[in-house]
Amino acid sequence: KIADKVADAGFYAVVPDFFNGEPYDPNNPDRPKDAWMKDHSPVKGFEDAKLMIDALKSKGFSSIGAAGFCWGAKAVVELTKAELIQAAVILHPSYVTVADIKSVKLPIAILGAELDHLASP
């Protein structure tokens, strides 16, 4: 729904499936979080995002922003550190460290909930 709003505002919006049809399910005892993360790490998300950015640039897009929720926040922060996008927003940023934020080289908005126990201040 958020991507739809971005598109309605006149921007080209893409929503990639970095999980390849296998979102994390905390109720799946056959696929605990640690096992799932081995196949779906934010680092892999960053690598996949680089391919998507290359594809967008090949279509003529010159300014690219990225938004990442939870797991995706780490991948977006990595994109800022590599200066592959022009602006970023992260929401409920999981796996993002203070060192990551200190390495950000681009405009970034950090939208965290007041009482978010998974994302440290």
PDB file of N, CA and C in Angstrom:
ATOM      1  N   LYS A   1       0.809  -1.188   0.000  1.00  0.00           N
ATOM      2  CA  LYS A   1       0.000   0.000   0.000  1.00  0.00           C
ATOM      3  C   LYS A   1       0.858   1.261   0.000  1.00  0.00           C
ATOM      4  N   ILE A   2       1.983   1.204   0.682  1.00  0.00           N
ATOM      5  CA  ILE A   2       2.854   2.377   0.705  1.00  0.00           C
ATOM      6  C   ILE A   2       3.451   2.605  -0.677  1.00  0.00           C
ATOM      7  N   ALA A   3       3.877   1.553  -1.347  1.00  0.00           N
ATOM      8  CA  ALA A   3       4.413   1.701  -2.705  1.00  0.00           C
ATOM      9  C   ALA A   3       3.353   2.259  -3.642  1.00  0.00           C
ATOM     10  N   ASP A   4       2.111   1.852  -3.460  1.00  0.00           N
ATOM     11  CA  ASP A   4       1.024   2.393  -4.273  1.00  0.00           C
ATOM     12  C   ASP A   4       0.886   3.898  -4.058  1.00  0.00           C
ATOM     13  N   LYS A   5       1.014   4.345  -2.828  1.00  0.00           N
ATOM     14  CA  LYS A   5       0.928   5.778  -2.533  1.00  0.00           C
ATOM     15  C   LYS A   5       2.096   6.535  -3.160  1.00  0.00           C
ATOM     16  N   VAL A   6       3.278   5.949  -3.111  1.00  0.00           N
ATOM     17  CA  VAL A   6       4.448   6.567  -3.734  1.00  0.00           C
ATOM     18  C   VAL A   6       4.215   6.676  -5.244  1.00  0.00           C
ATOM     19  N   ALA A   7       3.714   5.619  -5.845  1.00  0.00           N
ATOM     20  CA  ALA A   7       3.430   5.635  -7.284  1.00  0.00           C
ATOM     21  C   ALA A   7       2.337   6.648  -7.612  1.00  0.00           C
ATOM     22  N   ASP A   8       1.309   6.715  -6.779  1.00  0.00           N
ATOM     23  CA  ASP A   8       0.234   7.684  -7.003  1.00  0.00           C
ATOM     24  C   ASP A   8       0.740   9.121  -6.938  1.00  0.00           C
ATOM     25  N   ALA A   9       1.841   9.333  -6.230  1.00  0.00           N
ATOM     26  CA  ALA A   9       2.434  10.665  -6.139  1.00  0.00           C
ATOM     27  C   ALA A   9       3.311  10.981  -7.344  1.00  0.00           C
ATOM     28  N   GLY A  10       3.399  10.044  -8.293  1.00  0.00           N
ATOM     29  CA  GLY A  10       4.133  10.300  -9.531  1.00  0.00           C
ATOM     30  C   GLY A  10       5.500   9.656  -9.637  1.00  0.00           C
ATOM     31  N   PHE A  11       5.847   8.829  -8.678  1.00  0.00           N
ATOM     32  CA  PHE A  11       7.147   8.170  -8.713  1.00  0.00           C
ATOM     33  C   PHE A  11       7.005   6.740  -9.222  1.00  0.00           C
ATOM     34  N   TYR A  12       8.059   6.220  -9.810  1.00  0.00           N
ATOM     35  CA  TYR A  12       8.102   4.826 -10.237  1.00  0.00           C
ATOM     36  C   TYR A  12       8.469   4.013  -8.995  1.00  0.00           C
ATOM     37  N   ALA A  13       7.649   3.055  -8.646  1.00  0.00           N
ATOM     38  CA  ALA A  13       7.872   2.279  -7.427  1.00  0.00           C
ATOM     39  C   ALA A  13       7.977   0.803  -7.760  1.00  0.00           C
ATOM     40  N   VAL A  14       8.956   0.151  -7.183  1.00  0.00           N
ATOM     41  CA  VAL A  14       9.102  -1.299  -7.326  1.00  0.00           C
ATOM     42  C   VAL A  14       9.130  -1.923  -5.935  1.00  0.00           C
ATOM     43  N   VAL A  15       8.560  -3.105  -5.843  1.00  0.00           N
ATOM     44  CA  VAL A  15       8.541  -3.841  -4.581  1.00  0.00           C
ATOM     45  C   VAL A  15       9.077  -5.246  -4.878  1.00  0.00           C
ATOM     46  N   PRO A  16      10.377  -5.412  -4.751  1.00  0.00           N
ATOM     47  CA  PRO A  16      10.968  -6.719  -5.057  1.00  0.00           C
ATOM     48  C   PRO A  16      10.664  -7.748  -3.972  1.00  0.00           C
ATOM     49  N   ASP A  17      10.631  -8.990  -4.371  1.00  0.00           N
ATOM     50  CA  ASP A  17      10.445 -10.091  -3.421  1.00  0.00           C
ATOM     51  C   ASP A  17      11.818 -10.666  -3.095  1.00  0.00           C
ATOM     52  N   PHE A  18      12.494 -10.050  -2.151  1.00  0.00           N
ATOM     53  CA  PHE A  18      13.825 -10.511  -1.773  1.00  0.00           C
ATOM     54  C   PHE A  18      13.793 -11.845  -1.039  1.00  0.00           C
ATOM     55  N   PHE A  19      12.608 -12.280  -0.641  1.00  0.00           N
ATOM     56  CA  PHE A  19      12.484 -13.554   0.066  1.00  0.00           C
ATOM     57  C   PHE A  19      12.122 -14.691  -0.870  1.00  0.00           C
ATOM     58  N   ASN A  20      11.983 -14.402  -2.150  1.00  0.00           N
ATOM     59  CA  ASN A  20      11.684 -15.416  -3.156  1.00  0.00           C
ATOM     60  C   ASN A  20      10.492 -16.286  -2.769  1.00  0.00           C
ATOM     61  N   GLY A  21       9.430 -15.628  -2.335  1.00  0.00           N
ATOM     62  CA  GLY A  21       8.203 -16.345  -2.002  1.00  0.00           C
ATOM     63  C   GLY A  21       8.227 -17.075  -0.678  1.00  0.00           C
ATOM     64  N   GLU A  22       9.251 -16.836   0.151  1.00  0.00           N
ATOM     65  CA  GLU A  22       9.351 -17.524   1.437  1.00  0.00           C
ATOM     66  C   GLU A  22       9.547 -16.513   2.567  1.00  0.00           C
ATOM     67  N   PRO A  23       8.513 -15.750   2.913  1.00  0.00           N
ATOM     68  CA  PRO A  23       8.669 -14.819   4.033  1.00  0.00           C
ATOM     69  C   PRO A  23       8.883 -15.579   5.337  1.00  0.00           C
ATOM     70  N   TYR A  24       9.505 -14.917   6.288  1.00  0.00           N
ATOM     71  CA  TYR A  24       9.726 -15.554   7.579  1.00  0.00           C
ATOM     72  C   TYR A  24       8.392 -15.788   8.274  1.00  0.00           C
ATOM     73  N   ASP A  25       8.207 -16.982   8.792  1.00  0.00           N
ATOM     74  CA  ASP A  25       6.991 -17.341   9.509  1.00  0.00           C
ATOM     75  C   ASP A  25       7.388 -17.832  10.898  1.00  0.00           C
ATOM     76  N   PRO A  26       7.188 -17.010  11.926  1.00  0.00           N
ATOM     77  CA  PRO A  26       7.602 -17.421  13.270  1.00  0.00           C
ATOM     78  C   PRO A  26       6.828 -18.629  13.793  1.00  0.00           C
ATOM     79  N   ASN A  27       5.746 -18.977  13.134  1.00  0.00           N
ATOM     80  CA  ASN A  27       4.945 -20.135  13.557  1.00  0.00           C
ATOM     81  C   ASN A  27       5.316 -21.415  12.824  1.00  0.00           C
ATOM     82  N   ASN A  28       6.349 -21.364  11.993  1.00  0.00           N
ATOM     83  CA  ASN A  28       6.786 -22.546  11.256  1.00  0.00           C
ATOM     84  C   ASN A  28       7.938 -23.215  12.020  1.00  0.00           C
ATOM     85  N   PRO A  29       7.661 -24.303  12.738  1.00  0.00           N
ATOM     86  CA  PRO A  29       8.711 -24.947  13.527  1.00  0.00           C
ATOM     87  C   PRO A  29       9.777 -25.621  12.650  1.00  0.00           C
ATOM     88  N   ASP A  30       9.469 -25.870  11.380  1.00  0.00           N
ATOM     89  CA  ASP A  30      10.433 -26.507  10.485  1.00  0.00           C
ATOM     90  C   ASP A  30      11.437 -25.511   9.908  1.00  0.00           C
ATOM     91  N   ARG A  31      11.196 -24.217  10.126  1.00  0.00           N
ATOM     92  CA  ARG A  31      12.077 -23.190   9.561  1.00  0.00           C
ATOM     93  C   ARG A  31      12.319 -22.100  10.601  1.00  0.00           C
ATOM     94  N   PRO A  32      13.089 -22.437  11.669  1.00  0.00           N
ATOM     95  CA  PRO A  32      13.366 -21.425  12.698  1.00  0.00           C
ATOM     96  C   PRO A  32      14.127 -20.232  12.114  1.00  0.00           C
ATOM     97  N   LYS A  33      14.086 -19.138  12.846  1.00  0.00           N
ATOM     98  CA  LYS A  33      14.650 -17.883  12.358  1.00  0.00           C
ATOM     99  C   LYS A  33      16.101 -18.014  11.901  1.00  0.00           C
ATOM    100  N   ASP A  34      16.931 -18.682  12.673  1.00  0.00           N
ATOM    101  CA  ASP A  34      18.344 -18.810  12.294  1.00  0.00           C
ATOM    102  C   ASP A  34      18.505 -19.545  10.972  1.00  0.00           C
ATOM    103  N   ALA A  35      17.725 -20.589  10.757  1.00  0.00           N
ATOM    104  CA  ALA A  35      17.800 -21.333   9.494  1.00  0.00           C
ATOM    105  C   ALA A  35      17.299 -20.476   8.342  1.00  0.00           C
ATOM    106  N   TRP A  36      16.207 -19.768   8.563  1.00  0.00           N
ATOM    107  CA  TRP A  36      15.649 -18.901   7.519  1.00  0.00           C
ATOM    108  C   TRP A  36      16.637 -17.805   7.147  1.00  0.00           C
ATOM    109  N   MET A  37      17.292 -17.213   8.152  1.00  0.00           N
ATOM    110  CA  MET A  37      18.236 -16.119   7.911  1.00  0.00           C
ATOM    111  C   MET A  37      19.443 -16.555   7.091  1.00  0.00           C
ATOM    112  N   LYS A  38      19.820 -17.830   7.180  1.00  0.00           N
ATOM    113  CA  LYS A  38      20.952 -18.303   6.372  1.00  0.00           C
ATOM    114  C   LYS A  38      20.659 -18.145   4.886  1.00  0.00           C
ATOM    115  N   ASP A  39      19.407 -18.311   4.491  1.00  0.00           N
ATOM    116  CA  ASP A  39      19.014 -18.183   3.090  1.00  0.00           C
ATOM    117  C   ASP A  39      18.525 -16.782   2.733  1.00  0.00           C
ATOM    118  N   HIS A  40      18.225 -15.980   3.734  1.00  0.00           N
ATOM    119  CA  HIS A  40      17.609 -14.675   3.490  1.00  0.00           C
ATOM    120  C   HIS A  40      18.258 -13.589   4.343  1.00  0.00           C
ATOM    121  N   SER A  41      19.539 -13.458   4.271  1.00  0.00           N
ATOM    122  CA  SER A  41      20.220 -12.454   5.084  1.00  0.00           C
ATOM    123  C   SER A  41      20.058 -11.063   4.460  1.00  0.00           C
ATOM    124  N   PRO A  42      20.116 -10.008   5.278  1.00  0.00           N
ATOM    125  CA  PRO A  42      20.090  -8.657   4.725  1.00  0.00           C
ATOM    126  C   PRO A  42      21.252  -8.395   3.761  1.00  0.00           C
ATOM    127  N   VAL A  43      22.373  -9.072   3.966  1.00  0.00           N
ATOM    128  CA  VAL A  43      23.509  -8.918   3.044  1.00  0.00           C
ATOM    129  C   VAL A  43      23.123  -9.428   1.656  1.00  0.00           C
ATOM    130  N   LYS A  44      22.408 -10.555   1.595  1.00  0.00           N
ATOM    131  CA  LYS A  44      21.921 -11.052   0.312  1.00  0.00           C
ATOM    132  C   LYS A  44      20.902 -10.076  -0.266  1.00  0.00           C
ATOM    133  N   GLY A  45      20.067  -9.485   0.595  1.00  0.00           N
ATOM    134  CA  GLY A  45      19.118  -8.477   0.138  1.00  0.00           C
ATOM    135  C   GLY A  45      19.828  -7.288  -0.485  1.00  0.00           C
ATOM    136  N   PHE A  46      20.930  -6.873   0.120  1.00  0.00           N
ATOM    137  CA  PHE A  46      21.748  -5.786  -0.431  1.00  0.00           C
ATOM    138  C   PHE A  46      22.278  -6.165  -1.811  1.00  0.00           C
ATOM    139  N   GLU A  47      22.792  -7.369  -1.931  1.00  0.00           N
ATOM    140  CA  GLU A  47      23.317  -7.822  -3.230  1.00  0.00           C
ATOM    141  C   GLU A  47      22.203  -7.871  -4.284  1.00  0.00           C
ATOM    142  N   ASP A  48      21.035  -8.376  -3.897  1.00  0.00           N
ATOM    143  CA  ASP A  48      19.899  -8.420  -4.826  1.00  0.00           C
ATOM    144  C   ASP A  48      19.444  -7.010  -5.192  1.00  0.00           C
ATOM    145  N   ALA A  49      19.465  -6.098  -4.228  1.00  0.00           N
ATOM    146  CA  ALA A  49      19.058  -4.715  -4.490  1.00  0.00           C
ATOM    147  C   ALA A  49      20.003  -4.043  -5.481  1.00  0.00           C
ATOM    148  N   LYS A  50      21.285  -4.367  -5.399  1.00  0.00           N
ATOM    149  CA  LYS A  50      22.243  -3.792  -6.355  1.00  0.00           C
ATOM    150  C   LYS A  50      21.862  -4.173  -7.779  1.00  0.00           C
ATOM    151  N   LEU A  51      21.422  -5.415  -7.985  1.00  0.00           N
ATOM    152  CA  LEU A  51      20.994  -5.845  -9.320  1.00  0.00           C
ATOM    153  C   LEU A  51      19.768  -5.057  -9.776  1.00  0.00           C
ATOM    154  N   MET A  52      18.841  -4.826  -8.848  1.00  0.00           N
ATOM    155  CA  MET A  52      17.639  -4.073  -9.180  1.00  0.00           C
ATOM    156  C   MET A  52      17.995  -2.633  -9.530  1.00  0.00           C
ATOM    157  N   ILE A  53      18.896  -2.038  -8.788  1.00  0.00           N
ATOM    158  CA  ILE A  53      19.320  -0.665  -9.064  1.00  0.00           C
ATOM    159  C   ILE A  53      19.991  -0.583 -10.426  1.00  0.00           C
ATOM    160  N   ASP A  54      20.832  -1.552 -10.748  1.00  0.00           N
ATOM    161  CA  ASP A  54      21.457  -1.586 -12.076  1.00  0.00           C
ATOM    162  C   ASP A  54      20.397  -1.659 -13.170  1.00  0.00           C
ATOM    163  N   ALA A  55      19.363  -2.466 -12.954  1.00  0.00           N
ATOM    164  CA  ALA A  55      18.286  -2.590 -13.947  1.00  0.00           C
ATOM    165  C   ALA A  55      17.543  -1.267 -14.096  1.00  0.00           C
ATOM    166  N   LEU A  56      17.271  -0.581 -12.986  1.00  0.00           N
ATOM    167  CA  LEU A  56      16.591   0.709 -13.066  1.00  0.00           C
ATOM    168  C   LEU A  56      17.452   1.737 -13.794  1.00  0.00           C
ATOM    169  N   LYS A  57      18.734   1.766 -13.503  1.00  0.00           N
ATOM    170  CA  LYS A  57      19.635   2.704 -14.182  1.00  0.00           C
ATOM    171  C   LYS A  57      19.707   2.405 -15.673  1.00  0.00           C
ATOM    172  N   SER A  58      19.660   1.122 -16.040  1.00  0.00           N
ATOM    173  CA  SER A  58      19.701   0.760 -17.468  1.00  0.00           C
ATOM    174  C   SER A  58      18.450   1.225 -18.200  1.00  0.00           C
ATOM    175  N   LYS A  59      17.380   1.488 -17.457  1.00  0.00           N
ATOM    176  CA  LYS A  59      16.136   2.002 -18.041  1.00  0.00           C
ATOM    177  C   LYS A  59      16.084   3.527 -18.016  1.00  0.00           C
ATOM    178  N   GLY A  60      17.171   4.157 -17.557  1.00  0.00           N
ATOM    179  CA  GLY A  60      17.257   5.605 -17.597  1.00  0.00           C
ATOM    180  C   GLY A  60      16.975   6.328 -16.298  1.00  0.00           C
ATOM    181  N   PHE A  61      16.693   5.614 -15.233  1.00  0.00           N
ATOM    182  CA  PHE A  61      16.468   6.270 -13.945  1.00  0.00           C
ATOM    183  C   PHE A  61      17.805   6.744 -13.386  1.00  0.00           C
ATOM    184  N   SER A  62      17.864   8.014 -12.990  1.00  0.00           N
ATOM    185  CA  SER A  62      19.126   8.544 -12.485  1.00  0.00           C
ATOM    186  C   SER A  62      19.085   8.849 -10.988  1.00  0.00           C
ATOM    187  N   SER A  63      17.901   9.019 -10.425  1.00  0.00           N
ATOM    188  CA  SER A  63      17.752   9.251  -8.988  1.00  0.00           C
ATOM    189  C   SER A  63      16.912   8.135  -8.401  1.00  0.00           C
ATOM    190  N   ILE A  64      17.493   7.437  -7.446  1.00  0.00           N
ATOM    191  CA  ILE A  64      16.819   6.279  -6.867  1.00  0.00           C
ATOM    192  C   ILE A  64      16.845   6.406  -5.350  1.00  0.00           C
ATOM    193  N   GLY A  65      15.696   6.218  -4.761  1.00  0.00           N
ATOM    194  CA  GLY A  65      15.580   6.181  -3.311  1.00  0.00           C
ATOM    195  C   GLY A  65      15.147   4.793  -2.901  1.00  0.00           C
ATOM    196  N   ALA A  66      15.352   4.461  -1.659  1.00  0.00           N
ATOM    197  CA  ALA A  66      14.968   3.136  -1.169  1.00  0.00           C
ATOM    198  C   ALA A  66      14.373   3.259   0.223  1.00  0.00           C
ATOM    199  N   ALA A  67      13.410   2.395   0.491  1.00  0.00           N
ATOM    200  CA  ALA A  67      12.811   2.300   1.820  1.00  0.00           C
ATOM    201  C   ALA A  67      12.940   0.860   2.277  1.00  0.00           C
ATOM    202  N   GLY A  68      13.240   0.670   3.533  1.00  0.00           N
ATOM    203  CA  GLY A  68      13.365  -0.676   4.074  1.00  0.00           C
ATOM    204  C   GLY A  68      12.704  -0.784   5.432  1.00  0.00           C
ATOM    205  N   PHE A  69      11.891  -1.800   5.574  1.00  0.00           N
ATOM    206  CA  PHE A  69      11.210  -2.077   6.823  1.00  0.00           C
ATOM    207  C   PHE A  69      11.893  -3.257   7.503  1.00  0.00           C
ATOM    208  N   CYS A  70      12.139  -3.157   8.801  1.00  0.00           N
ATOM    209  CA  CYS A  70      12.665  -4.263   9.592  1.00  0.00           C
ATOM    210  C   CYS A  70      13.936  -4.817   8.952  1.00  0.00           C
ATOM    211  N   TRP A  71      13.891  -6.034   8.462  1.00  0.00           N
ATOM    212  CA  TRP A  71      15.014  -6.691   7.799  1.00  0.00           C
ATOM    213  C   TRP A  71      15.552  -5.838   6.660  1.00  0.00           C
ATOM    214  N   GLY A  72      14.663  -5.239   5.897  1.00  0.00           N
ATOM    215  CA  GLY A  72      15.062  -4.444   4.736  1.00  0.00           C
ATOM    216  C   GLY A  72      15.806  -3.176   5.095  1.00  0.00           C
ATOM    217  N   ALA A  73      15.662  -2.719   6.336  1.00  0.00           N
ATOM    218  CA  ALA A  73      16.373  -1.512   6.756  1.00  0.00           C
ATOM    219  C   ALA A  73      17.880  -1.711   6.654  1.00  0.00           C
ATOM    220  N   LYS A  74      18.354  -2.876   7.035  1.00  0.00           N
ATOM    221  CA  LYS A  74      19.801  -3.153   6.965  1.00  0.00           C
ATOM    222  C   LYS A  74      20.276  -3.108   5.516  1.00  0.00           C
ATOM    223  N   ALA A  75      19.526  -3.710   4.605  1.00  0.00           N
ATOM    224  CA  ALA A  75      19.904  -3.697   3.193  1.00  0.00           C
ATOM    225  C   ALA A  75      19.931  -2.267   2.659  1.00  0.00           C
ATOM    226  N   VAL A  76      18.963  -1.448   3.056  1.00  0.00           N
ATOM    227  CA  VAL A  76      18.917  -0.059   2.604  1.00  0.00           C
ATOM    228  C   VAL A  76      20.098   0.730   3.164  1.00  0.00           C
ATOM    229  N   VAL A  77      20.438   0.516   4.413  1.00  0.00           N
ATOM    230  CA  VAL A  77      21.594   1.208   4.991  1.00  0.00           C
ATOM    231  C   VAL A  77      22.861   0.831   4.225  1.00  0.00           C
ATOM    232  N   GLU A  78      22.980  -0.422   3.847  1.00  0.00           N
ATOM    233  CA  GLU A  78      24.148  -0.842   3.055  1.00  0.00           C
ATOM    234  C   GLU A  78      24.177  -0.118   1.708  1.00  0.00           C
ATOM    235  N   LEU A  79      23.010   0.104   1.106  1.00  0.00           N
ATOM    236  CA  LEU A  79      22.948   0.853  -0.155  1.00  0.00           C
ATOM    237  C   LEU A  79      23.431   2.280   0.031  1.00  0.00           C
ATOM    238  N   THR A  80      23.102   2.893   1.185  1.00  0.00           N
ATOM    239  CA  THR A  80      23.562   4.262   1.433  1.00  0.00           C
ATOM    240  C   THR A  80      25.073   4.293   1.637  1.00  0.00           C
ATOM    241  N   LYS A  81      25.592   3.305   2.343  1.00  0.00           N
ATOM    242  CA  LYS A  81      27.032   3.265   2.593  1.00  0.00           C
ATOM    243  C   LYS A  81      27.812   3.099   1.297  1.00  0.00           C
ATOM    244  N   ALA A  82      27.238   2.380   0.344  1.00  0.00           N
ATOM    245  CA  ALA A  82      27.886   2.180  -0.951  1.00  0.00           C
ATOM    246  C   ALA A  82      27.559   3.302  -1.934  1.00  0.00           C
ATOM    247  N   GLU A  83      26.720   4.243  -1.503  1.00  0.00           N
ATOM    248  CA  GLU A  83      26.300   5.383  -2.323  1.00  0.00           C
ATOM    249  C   GLU A  83      25.680   4.945  -3.653  1.00  0.00           C
ATOM    250  N   LEU A  84      24.845   3.914  -3.585  1.00  0.00           N
ATOM    251  CA  LEU A  84      24.179   3.397  -4.780  1.00  0.00           C
ATOM    252  C   LEU A  84      22.800   4.023  -5.005  1.00  0.00           C
ATOM    253  N   ILE A  85      22.312   4.759  -4.020  1.00  0.00           N
ATOM    254  CA  ILE A  85      21.029   5.443  -4.116  1.00  0.00           C
ATOM    255  C   ILE A  85      21.246   6.893  -3.700  1.00  0.00           C
ATOM    256  N   GLN A  86      20.209   7.711  -3.854  1.00  0.00           N
ATOM    257  CA  GLN A  86      20.354   9.118  -3.522  1.00  0.00           C
ATOM    258  C   GLN A  86      19.701   9.500  -2.193  1.00  0.00           C
ATOM    259  N   ALA A  87      18.760   8.695  -1.716  1.00  0.00           N
ATOM    260  CA  ALA A  87      18.101   8.971  -0.440  1.00  0.00           C
ATOM    261  C   ALA A  87      17.488   7.679   0.085  1.00  0.00           C
ATOM    262  N   ALA A  88      17.259   7.647   1.397  1.00  0.00           N
ATOM    263  CA  ALA A  88      16.743   6.416   2.002  1.00  0.00           C
ATOM    264  C   ALA A  88      15.828   6.720   3.175  1.00  0.00           C
ATOM    265  N   VAL A  89      14.965   5.772   3.444  1.00  0.00           N
ATOM    266  CA  VAL A  89      14.151   5.808   4.653  1.00  0.00           C
ATOM    267  C   VAL A  89      14.123   4.391   5.217  1.00  0.00           C
ATOM    268  N   ILE A  90      14.312   4.292   6.520  1.00  0.00           N
ATOM    269  CA  ILE A  90      14.227   2.978   7.164  1.00  0.00           C
ATOM    270  C   ILE A  90      13.174   3.064   8.268  1.00  0.00           C
ATOM    271  N   LEU A  91      12.412   1.985   8.402  1.00  0.00           N
ATOM    272  CA  LEU A  91      11.306   1.938   9.344  1.00  0.00           C
ATOM    273  C   LEU A  91      11.447   0.675  10.181  1.00  0.00           C
ATOM    274  N   HIS A  92      11.291   0.801  11.502  1.00  0.00           N
ATOM    275  CA  HIS A  92      11.500  -0.340  12.405  1.00  0.00           C
ATOM    276  C   HIS A  92      12.815  -1.033  12.019  1.00  0.00           C
ATOM    277  N   PRO A  93      13.920  -0.305  12.114  1.00  0.00           N
ATOM    278  CA  PRO A  93      15.192  -0.798  11.575  1.00  0.00           C
ATOM    279  C   PRO A  93      15.851  -1.911  12.402  1.00  0.00           C
ATOM    280  N   SER A  94      15.657  -3.130  11.983  1.00  0.00           N
ATOM    281  CA  SER A  94      16.302  -4.268  12.640  1.00  0.00           C
ATOM    282  C   SER A  94      17.665  -4.525  12.000  1.00  0.00           C
ATOM    283  N   TYR A  95      18.580  -5.055  12.771  1.00  0.00           N
ATOM    284  CA  TYR A  95      19.925  -5.440  12.332  1.00  0.00           C
ATOM    285  C   TYR A  95      20.821  -4.248  11.986  1.00  0.00           C
ATOM    286  N   VAL A  96      20.355  -3.031  12.197  1.00  0.00           N
ATOM    287  CA  VAL A  96      21.140  -1.836  11.921  1.00  0.00           C
ATOM    288  C   VAL A  96      21.863  -1.439  13.203  1.00  0.00           C
ATOM    289  N   THR A  97      23.153  -1.201  13.098  1.00  0.00           N
ATOM    290  CA  THR A  97      23.960  -0.842  14.261  1.00  0.00           C
ATOM    291  C   THR A  97      24.304   0.653  14.239  1.00  0.00           C
ATOM    292  N   VAL A  98      24.795   1.143  15.358  1.00  0.00           N
ATOM    293  CA  VAL A  98      25.261   2.525  15.425  1.00  0.00           C
ATOM    294  C   VAL A  98      26.400   2.717  14.423  1.00  0.00           C
ATOM    295  N   ALA A  99      27.290   1.740  14.305  1.00  0.00           N
ATOM    296  CA  ALA A  99      28.393   1.834  13.339  1.00  0.00           C
ATOM    297  C   ALA A  99      27.850   1.960  11.915  1.00  0.00           C
ATOM    298  N   ASP A 100      26.767   1.228  11.618  1.00  0.00           N
ATOM    299  CA  ASP A 100      26.144   1.356  10.294  1.00  0.00           C
ATOM    300  C   ASP A 100      25.705   2.794  10.061  1.00  0.00           C
ATOM    301  N   ILE A 101      25.001   3.356  11.024  1.00  0.00           N
ATOM    302  CA  ILE A 101      24.461   4.713  10.872  1.00  0.00           C
ATOM    303  C   ILE A 101      25.597   5.726  10.731  1.00  0.00           C
ATOM    304  N   LYS A 102      26.664   5.531  11.444  1.00  0.00           N
ATOM    305  CA  LYS A 102      27.807   6.446  11.336  1.00  0.00           C
ATOM    306  C   LYS A 102      28.461   6.383   9.960  1.00  0.00           C
ATOM    307  N   SER A 103      28.240   5.294   9.221  1.00  0.00           N
ATOM    308  CA  SER A 103      28.826   5.136   7.892  1.00  0.00           C
ATOM    309  C   SER A 103      27.904   5.587   6.768  1.00  0.00           C
ATOM    310  N   VAL A 104      26.700   5.997   7.097  1.00  0.00           N
ATOM    311  CA  VAL A 104      25.750   6.461   6.081  1.00  0.00           C
ATOM    312  C   VAL A 104      26.282   7.741   5.451  1.00  0.00           C
ATOM    313  N   LYS A 105      26.226   7.787   4.122  1.00  0.00           N
ATOM    314  CA  LYS A 105      26.786   8.924   3.393  1.00  0.00           C
ATOM    315  C   LYS A 105      25.735   9.739   2.651  1.00  0.00           C
ATOM    316  N   LEU A 106      24.471   9.440   2.860  1.00  0.00           N
ATOM    317  CA  LEU A 106      23.395  10.067   2.094  1.00  0.00           C
ATOM    318  C   LEU A 106      22.263  10.486   3.013  1.00  0.00           C
ATOM    319  N   PRO A 107      21.331  11.307   2.511  1.00  0.00           N
ATOM    320  CA  PRO A 107      20.160  11.638   3.327  1.00  0.00           C
ATOM    321  C   PRO A 107      19.382  10.376   3.701  1.00  0.00           C
ATOM    322  N   ILE A 108      19.054  10.269   4.976  1.00  0.00           N
ATOM    323  CA  ILE A 108      18.316   9.104   5.451  1.00  0.00           C
ATOM    324  C   ILE A 108      17.323   9.549   6.527  1.00  0.00           C
ATOM    325  N   ALA A 109      16.128   9.004   6.455  1.00  0.00           N
ATOM    326  CA  ALA A 109      15.123   9.219   7.493  1.00  0.00           C
ATOM    327  C   ALA A 109      14.990   7.912   8.257  1.00  0.00           C
ATOM    328  N   ILE A 110      15.015   8.007   9.570  1.00  0.00           N
ATOM    329  CA  ILE A 110      14.887   6.824  10.412  1.00  0.00           C
ATOM    330  C   ILE A 110      13.561   6.941  11.153  1.00  0.00           C
ATOM    331  N   LEU A 111      12.630   6.068  10.838  1.00  0.00           N
ATOM    332  CA  LEU A 111      11.301   6.109  11.428  1.00  0.00           C
ATOM    333  C   LEU A 111      11.124   4.896  12.323  1.00  0.00           C
ATOM    334  N   GLY A 112      11.333   5.108  13.593  1.00  0.00           N
ATOM    335  CA  GLY A 112      11.184   4.034  14.563  1.00  0.00           C
ATOM    336  C   GLY A 112      10.057   4.351  15.521  1.00  0.00           C
ATOM    337  N   ALA A 113       9.433   3.320  16.007  1.00  0.00           N
ATOM    338  CA  ALA A 113       8.361   3.506  16.976  1.00  0.00           C
ATOM    339  C   ALA A 113       8.956   3.890  18.331  1.00  0.00           C
ATOM    340  N   GLU A 114       8.208   4.643  19.105  1.00  0.00           N
ATOM    341  CA  GLU A 114       8.685   5.105  20.402  1.00  0.00           C
ATOM    342  C   GLU A 114       9.072   3.943  21.313  1.00  0.00           C
ATOM    343  N   LEU A 115       8.303   2.877  21.290  1.00  0.00           N
ATOM    344  CA  LEU A 115       8.550   1.748  22.180  1.00  0.00           C
ATOM    345  C   LEU A 115       8.949   0.497  21.403  1.00  0.00           C
ATOM    346  N   ASP A 116       9.796   0.648  20.414  1.00  0.00           N
ATOM    347  CA  ASP A 116      10.249  -0.465  19.580  1.00  0.00           C
ATOM    348  C   ASP A 116      11.395  -1.174  20.312  1.00  0.00           C
ATOM    349  N   HIS A 117      11.097  -2.344  20.866  1.00  0.00           N
ATOM    350  CA  HIS A 117      12.089  -3.074  21.662  1.00  0.00           C
ATOM    351  C   HIS A 117      13.119  -3.804  20.796  1.00  0.00           C
ATOM    352  N   LEU A 118      12.849  -3.944  19.494  1.00  0.00           N
ATOM    353  CA  LEU A 118      13.783  -4.657  18.625  1.00  0.00           C
ATOM    354  C   LEU A 118      14.809  -3.730  17.992  1.00  0.00           C
ATOM    355  N   ALA A 119      14.516  -2.464  17.914  1.00  0.00           N
ATOM    356  CA  ALA A 119      15.449  -1.487  17.341  1.00  0.00           C
ATOM    357  C   ALA A 119      15.931  -0.577  18.470  1.00  0.00           C
ATOM    358  N   SER A 120      17.207  -0.642  18.748  1.00  0.00           N
ATOM    359  CA  SER A 120      17.736   0.136  19.869  1.00  0.00           C
ATOM    360  C   SER A 120      17.758   1.635  19.541  1.00  0.00           C
ATOM    361  N   PRO A 121      17.739   2.469  20.565  1.00  0.00           N
ATOM    362  CA  PRO A 121      17.779   3.925  20.332  1.00  0.00           C
ATOM    363  C   PRO A 121      19.050   4.333  19.600  1.00  0.00           C
TER     364      PRO A 121
END
